[in-house]
C-alpha atoms as a PDB file:
ATOM      1  CA  MET A   1       0.000   0.000   0.000  1.00  0.00           C
ATOM      2  CA  PRO A   2       1.166   3.567  -0.606  1.00  0.00           C
ATOM      3  CA  ASP A   3       2.430   5.871   2.152  1.00  0.00           C
ATOM      4  CA  THR A   4      -0.576   8.172   1.613  1.00  0.00           C
ATOM      5  CA  TRP A   5      -4.058   6.857   0.907  1.00  0.00           C
ATOM      6  CA  LYS A   6      -7.048   8.914  -0.225  1.00  0.00           C
ATOM      7  CA  LEU A   7     -10.428   7.534   0.800  1.00  0.00           C
ATOM      8  CA  LYS A   8     -13.411   9.543  -0.382  1.00  0.00           C
ATOM      9  CA  ASP A   9     -12.730  13.097   0.804  1.00  0.00           C
ATOM     10  CA  LYS A  10      -9.994  12.304   3.382  1.00  0.00           C
ATOM     11  CA  ASN A  11      -6.261  11.646   3.184  1.00  0.00           C
ATOM     12  CA  PHE A  12      -4.490   9.162   5.431  1.00  0.00           C
ATOM     13  CA  ASN A  13      -0.776   8.577   6.092  1.00  0.00           C
ATOM     14  CA  LYS A  14       0.757   5.204   6.873  1.00  0.00           C
ATOM     15  CA  TYR A  15       1.036   4.877  10.653  1.00  0.00           C
ATOM     16  CA  LEU A  16       1.530   1.249  11.804  1.00  0.00           C
ATOM     17  CA  LEU A  17       3.175  -1.276   9.507  1.00  0.00           C
ATOM     18  CA  ASP A  18       1.801  -4.759   8.931  1.00  0.00           C
ATOM     19  CA  LYS A  19       5.021  -6.418  10.147  1.00  0.00           C
ATOM     20  CA  ASP A  20       4.858  -4.514  13.452  1.00  0.00           C
ATOM     21  CA  ILE A  21       1.171  -5.347  13.860  1.00  0.00           C
ATOM     22  CA  GLN A  22       1.875  -9.032  13.232  1.00  0.00           C
ATOM     23  CA  THR A  23       4.642  -9.027  15.864  1.00  0.00           C
ATOM     24  CA  LYS A  24       2.246  -7.600  18.483  1.00  0.00           C
ATOM     25  CA  VAL A  25      -0.529 -10.019  17.467  1.00  0.00           C
ATOM     26  CA  SER A  26       1.852 -12.965  17.927  1.00  0.00           C
ATOM     27  CA  GLU A  27       2.869 -11.679  21.370  1.00  0.00           C
ATOM     28  CA  LEU A  28      -0.796 -11.329  22.335  1.00  0.00           C
ATOM     29  CA  ALA A  29      -1.605 -14.872  21.170  1.00  0.00           C
ATOM     30  CA  THR A  30       1.290 -16.227  23.229  1.00  0.00           C
ATOM     31  CA  ARG A  31      -0.043 -14.471  26.350  1.00  0.00           C
ATOM     32  CA  ILE A  32      -3.563 -15.776  25.716  1.00  0.00           C
ATOM     33  CA  ASN A  33      -2.245 -19.324  25.206  1.00  0.00           C
ATOM     34  CA  ILE A  34      -0.423 -19.142  28.549  1.00  0.00           C
ATOM     35  CA  ASP A  35      -3.143 -17.329  30.522  1.00  0.00           C
ATOM     36  CA  LEU A  36      -6.028 -19.499  29.324  1.00  0.00           C
ATOM     37  CA  ASP A  37      -4.232 -22.839  29.132  1.00  0.00           C
ATOM     38  CA  GLY A  38      -6.538 -25.626  30.301  1.00  0.00           C
ATOM     39  CA  GLN A  39      -9.685 -23.582  29.571  1.00  0.00           C
ATOM     40  CA  THR A  40     -11.893 -23.597  26.494  1.00  0.00           C
ATOM     41  CA  PRO A  41     -12.709 -19.922  26.029  1.00  0.00           C
ATOM     42  CA  LEU A  42     -15.331 -18.494  23.728  1.00  0.00           C
ATOM     43  CA  PHE A  43     -13.876 -15.714  21.584  1.00  0.00           C
ATOM     44  CA  ILE A  44     -16.544 -13.212  20.560  1.00  0.00           C
ATOM     45  CA  VAL A  45     -15.401 -11.192  17.564  1.00  0.00           C
ATOM     46  CA  VAL A  46     -16.974  -7.745  17.150  1.00  0.00           C
ATOM     47  CA  LEU A  47     -17.732  -7.209  13.461  1.00  0.00           C
ATOM     48  CA  ASN A  48     -17.024  -5.642  11.094  1.00  0.00           C
ATOM     49  CA  GLY A  49     -13.760  -4.023  12.126  1.00  0.00           C
ATOM     50  CA  ALA A  50     -12.183  -6.804  14.193  1.00  0.00           C
ATOM     51  CA  PHE A  51     -12.404  -9.506  11.534  1.00  0.00           C
ATOM     52  CA  ILE A  52      -8.815  -9.167  10.253  1.00  0.00           C
ATOM     53  CA  PHE A  53      -7.295  -8.776  13.739  1.00  0.00           C
ATOM     54  CA  ALA A  54      -9.344 -11.730  15.007  1.00  0.00           C
ATOM     55  CA  SER A  55      -8.345 -13.890  12.058  1.00  0.00           C
ATOM     56  CA  ASP A  56      -4.644 -13.201  12.576  1.00  0.00           C
ATOM     57  CA  LEU A  57      -4.895 -13.608  16.356  1.00  0.00           C
ATOM     58  CA  LEU A  58      -6.990 -16.775  16.393  1.00  0.00           C
ATOM     59  CA  LYS A  59      -4.730 -18.546  13.879  1.00  0.00           C
ATOM     60  CA  LYS A  60      -2.012 -18.216  16.533  1.00  0.00           C
ATOM     61  CA  VAL A  61      -4.165 -19.270  19.501  1.00  0.00           C
ATOM     62  CA  THR A  62      -3.330 -22.925  20.073  1.00  0.00           C
ATOM     63  CA  ILE A  63      -5.631 -23.737  23.002  1.00  0.00           C
ATOM     64  CA  ASP A  64      -9.047 -25.293  22.418  1.00  0.00           C
ATOM     65  CA  CYS A  65     -11.601 -22.549  21.867  1.00  0.00           C
ATOM     66  CA  GLU A  66     -14.854 -21.578  20.224  1.00  0.00           C
ATOM     67  CA  ILE A  67     -15.504 -18.500  18.090  1.00  0.00           C
ATOM     68  CA  ALA A  68     -18.695 -16.466  17.709  1.00  0.00           C
ATOM     69  CA  PHE A  69     -19.500 -13.119  16.117  1.00  0.00           C
ATOM     70  CA  VAL A  70     -21.554 -10.060  17.009  1.00  0.00           C
ATOM     71  CA  LYS A  71     -21.989  -6.877  15.043  1.00  0.00           C
ATOM     72  CA  LEU A  72     -22.059  -3.667  17.068  1.00  0.00           C
ATOM     73  CA  SER A  73     -21.908  -0.138  15.735  1.00  0.00           C
ATOM     74  CA  SER A  74     -21.810   3.417  17.025  1.00  0.00           C
ATOM     75  CA  TYR A  75     -19.865   5.148  14.221  1.00  0.00           C
ATOM     76  CA  GLN A  76     -21.035   7.337  11.369  1.00  0.00           C
ATOM     77  CA  GLY A  77     -18.205   8.717   9.230  1.00  0.00           C
ATOM     78  CA  THR A  78     -15.295   9.644  11.512  1.00  0.00           C
ATOM     79  CA  GLN A  79     -17.363  10.296  14.677  1.00  0.00           C
ATOM     80  CA  SER A  80     -19.125   8.088  17.192  1.00  0.00           C
ATOM     81  CA  SER A  81     -22.873   8.607  17.041  1.00  0.00           C
ATOM     82  CA  GLY A  82     -23.170   7.855  20.760  1.00  0.00           C
ATOM     83  CA  VAL A  83     -25.927   5.337  20.023  1.00  0.00           C
ATOM     84  CA  VAL A  84     -24.975   1.659  20.175  1.00  0.00           C
ATOM     85  CA  GLN A  85     -26.807  -0.710  17.874  1.00  0.00           C
ATOM     86  CA  GLN A  86     -26.425  -4.471  18.210  1.00  0.00           C
ATOM     87  CA  ILE A  87     -26.952  -5.644  14.664  1.00  0.00           C
ATOM     88  CA  ILE A  88     -26.210  -9.371  14.951  1.00  0.00           C
ATOM     89  CA  GLY A  89     -26.628 -10.835  18.431  1.00  0.00           C
ATOM     90  CA  LEU A  90     -25.075 -13.646  20.380  1.00  0.00           C
ATOM     91  CA  ASP A  91     -27.135 -16.841  20.342  1.00  0.00           C
ATOM     92  CA  LEU A  92     -24.991 -19.091  22.580  1.00  0.00           C
ATOM     93  CA  ASP A  93     -25.314 -19.962  26.262  1.00  0.00           C
ATOM     94  CA  ILE A  94     -22.256 -18.400  27.905  1.00  0.00           C
ATOM     95  CA  LYS A  95     -23.140 -19.102  31.552  1.00  0.00           C
ATOM     96  CA  GLY A  96     -20.011 -20.183  33.434  1.00  0.00           C
ATOM     97  CA  ARG A  97     -17.764 -19.718  30.380  1.00  0.00           C
ATOM     98  CA  THR A  98     -14.562 -17.740  29.926  1.00  0.00           C
ATOM     99  CA  ILE A  99     -15.283 -15.109  27.285  1.00  0.00           C
ATOM    100  CA  VAL A 100     -12.716 -13.103  25.322  1.00  0.00           C
ATOM    101  CA  VAL A 101     -14.235 -10.201  23.395  1.00  0.00           C
ATOM    102  CA  ILE A 102     -12.094  -9.248  20.400  1.00  0.00           C
ATOM    103  CA  GLU A 103     -12.290  -5.591  19.317  1.00  0.00           C
ATOM    104  CA  ASP A 104     -10.446  -3.714  16.609  1.00  0.00           C
ATOM    105  CA  ILE A 105     -10.278  -0.391  18.430  1.00  0.00           C
ATOM    106  CA  VAL A 106     -11.486   1.016  21.733  1.00  0.00           C
ATOM    107  CA  ASP A 107     -11.810   4.779  21.910  1.00  0.00           C
ATOM    108  CA  THR A 108     -14.495   6.069  24.320  1.00  0.00           C
ATOM    109  CA  GLY A 109     -15.397   2.508  25.273  1.00  0.00           C
ATOM    110  CA  LEU A 110     -19.143   3.260  25.003  1.00  0.00           C
ATOM    111  CA  THR A 111     -19.902   0.523  22.481  1.00  0.00           C
ATOM    112  CA  LEU A 112     -17.961  -2.131  24.347  1.00  0.00           C
ATOM    113  CA  ASP A 113     -19.213  -0.997  27.759  1.00  0.00           C
ATOM    114  CA  ARG A 114     -22.826  -1.549  26.686  1.00  0.00           C
ATOM    115  CA  PHE A 115     -21.986  -4.918  25.163  1.00  0.00           C
ATOM    116  CA  LEU A 116     -20.117  -6.050  28.299  1.00  0.00           C
ATOM    117  CA  GLU A 117     -23.206  -5.159  30.373  1.00  0.00           C
ATOM    118  CA  THR A 118     -25.262  -7.407  28.090  1.00  0.00           C
ATOM    119  CA  LEU A 119     -22.763 -10.249  28.520  1.00  0.00           C
ATOM    120  CA  ARG A 120     -22.675  -9.964  32.330  1.00  0.00           C
ATOM    121  CA  VAL A 121     -26.432 -10.576  32.484  1.00  0.00           C
ATOM    122  CA  MET A 122     -25.724 -13.913  30.760  1.00  0.00           C
ATOM    123  CA  GLU A 123     -23.518 -14.966  33.757  1.00  0.00           C
ATOM    124  CA  PRO A 124     -20.158 -15.904  32.217  1.00  0.00           C
ATOM    125  CA  ALA A 125     -17.394 -17.001  34.600  1.00  0.00           C
ATOM    126  CA  LYS A 126     -15.219 -14.134  33.385  1.00  0.00           C
ATOM    127  CA  VAL A 127     -15.036 -11.705  30.487  1.00  0.00           C
ATOM    128  CA  LEU A 128     -11.723 -10.541  29.073  1.00  0.00           C
ATOM    129  CA  VAL A 129     -11.132  -7.948  26.361  1.00  0.00           C
ATOM    130  CA  ALA A 130      -8.558  -8.176  23.562  1.00  0.00           C
ATOM    131  CA  ALA A 131      -8.111  -5.096  21.376  1.00  0.00           C
ATOM    132  CA  CYS A 132      -5.752  -4.220  18.589  1.00  0.00           C
ATOM    133  CA  LEU A 133      -5.881  -0.489  19.376  1.00  0.00           C
ATOM    134  CA  LEU A 134      -6.787   1.705  22.351  1.00  0.00           C
ATOM    135  CA  LYS A 135      -7.120   5.497  22.403  1.00  0.00           C
ATOM    136  CA  PRO A 136      -6.361   6.207  26.087  1.00  0.00           C
ATOM    137  CA  ASP A 137      -7.079   9.946  25.747  1.00  0.00           C
ATOM    138  CA  ALA A 138     -10.631   9.196  24.540  1.00  0.00           C
ATOM    139  CA  PHE A 139     -11.295   6.203  26.823  1.00  0.00           C
ATOM    140  CA  SER A 140     -13.897   7.058  29.458  1.00  0.00           C
ATOM    141  CA  SER A 141     -15.029   3.598  30.603  1.00  0.00           C
ATOM    142  CA  LYS A 142     -13.828   1.578  33.580  1.00  0.00           C
ATOM    143  CA  PHE A 143     -13.450  -1.942  32.145  1.00  0.00           C
ATOM    144  CA  PRO A 144      -9.898  -3.287  31.705  1.00  0.00           C
ATOM    145  CA  ILE A 145      -8.317  -4.051  28.354  1.00  0.00           C
ATOM    146  CA  ASP A 146      -6.733  -7.389  29.197  1.00  0.00           C
ATOM    147  CA  TYR A 147      -4.873  -7.911  25.929  1.00  0.00           C
ATOM    148  CA  LEU A 148      -3.719  -4.928  23.850  1.00  0.00           C
ATOM    149  CA  CYS A 149      -1.464  -4.501  20.849  1.00  0.00           C
ATOM    150  CA  PHE A 150      -1.116  -0.687  20.638  1.00  0.00           C
ATOM    151  CA  SER A 151      -2.123   2.504  22.455  1.00  0.00           C
ATOM    152  CA  ILE A 152      -2.529   5.342  19.954  1.00  0.00           C
ATOM    153  CA  PRO A 153      -3.359   9.066  20.025  1.00  0.00           C
ATOM    154  CA  ASN A 154      -6.975  10.149  19.695  1.00  0.00           C
ATOM    155  CA  GLU A 155      -6.841  10.314  15.881  1.00  0.00           C
ATOM    156  CA  PHE A 156      -9.023   8.598  13.297  1.00  0.00           C
ATOM    157  CA  VAL A 157      -7.383   5.521  11.731  1.00  0.00           C
ATOM    158  CA  VAL A 158      -8.188   3.108   8.907  1.00  0.00           C
ATOM    159  CA  GLY A 159      -6.788  -0.159   7.610  1.00  0.00           C
ATOM    160  CA  TYR A 160      -6.377  -3.611   9.110  1.00  0.00           C
ATOM    161  CA  GLY A 161     -10.170  -3.952   9.277  1.00  0.00           C
ATOM    162  CA  LEU A 162     -10.896  -0.360  10.332  1.00  0.00           C
ATOM    163  CA  ASP A 163     -12.870   1.740   7.886  1.00  0.00           C
ATOM    164  CA  TYR A 164     -13.975   5.187   6.848  1.00  0.00           C
ATOM    165  CA  ASP A 165     -17.579   4.900   5.626  1.00  0.00           C
ATOM    166  CA  GLY A 166     -16.954   1.287   4.571  1.00  0.00           C
ATOM    167  CA  LEU A 167     -13.639   1.944   2.810  1.00  0.00           C
ATOM    168  CA  GLY A 168     -10.082   1.171   3.867  1.00  0.00           C
ATOM    169  CA  ARG A 169     -10.469  -2.139   5.667  1.00  0.00           C
ATOM    170  CA  ASN A 170      -8.364  -3.963   3.071  1.00  0.00           C
ATOM    171  CA  SER A 171      -4.889  -2.871   4.167  1.00  0.00           C
ATOM    172  CA  GLY A 172      -2.470  -4.809   6.322  1.00  0.00           C
ATOM    173  CA  ASP A 173      -1.083  -1.453   7.471  1.00  0.00           C
ATOM    174  CA  ILE A 174      -2.913   1.097   9.616  1.00  0.00           C
ATOM    175  CA  TYR A 175      -3.202   4.689   8.420  1.00  0.00           C
ATOM    176  CA  LYS A 176      -4.092   7.828  10.395  1.00  0.00           C
ATOM    177  CA  ILE A 177      -6.084  10.737   9.082  1.00  0.00           C
ATOM    178  CA  VAL A 178      -4.276  13.834   7.818  1.00  0.00           C
ATOM    179  CA  GLU A 179      -5.899  16.803   9.531  1.00  0.00           C
ATOM    180  CA  GLU A 180      -6.393  19.759   7.230  1.00  0.00           C
END
């Protein structure tokens, strides 16, 4: 991919390289394999953005596990709408299970906070969060990020599953917006 990428009306510069992302994903998988050894966790992948991260991560997870998907959304364009919509829900019994929610990016934490509340009602043994990216300056929730690849500034990013109005997911690299 080029160093600068134009998507619709916005320009983005290359920010995190695929090789560096893959190194962090491998380190995360190793930690998960050690921490959850002897368990059979259920990984819940938050679509659409986390699909590439989850695919890379779960190929490196060597413990027995199950995988499910939910689709949550609170973004319109480059801003969070503040309204969380659960598009595709979870249809499994998770009572007593170890759950690992896989997210692409956590900024305010609003979307994930609401989803974690929904999961807690279903009585899992524990719920862990794995995220590729965290924006600590935007994060306003209290839940822990148990497994994290990168902390980044509060800037809009695309690539590696992250999009701008549906575009940009198809890069192994991550790009950040060029402010005008």
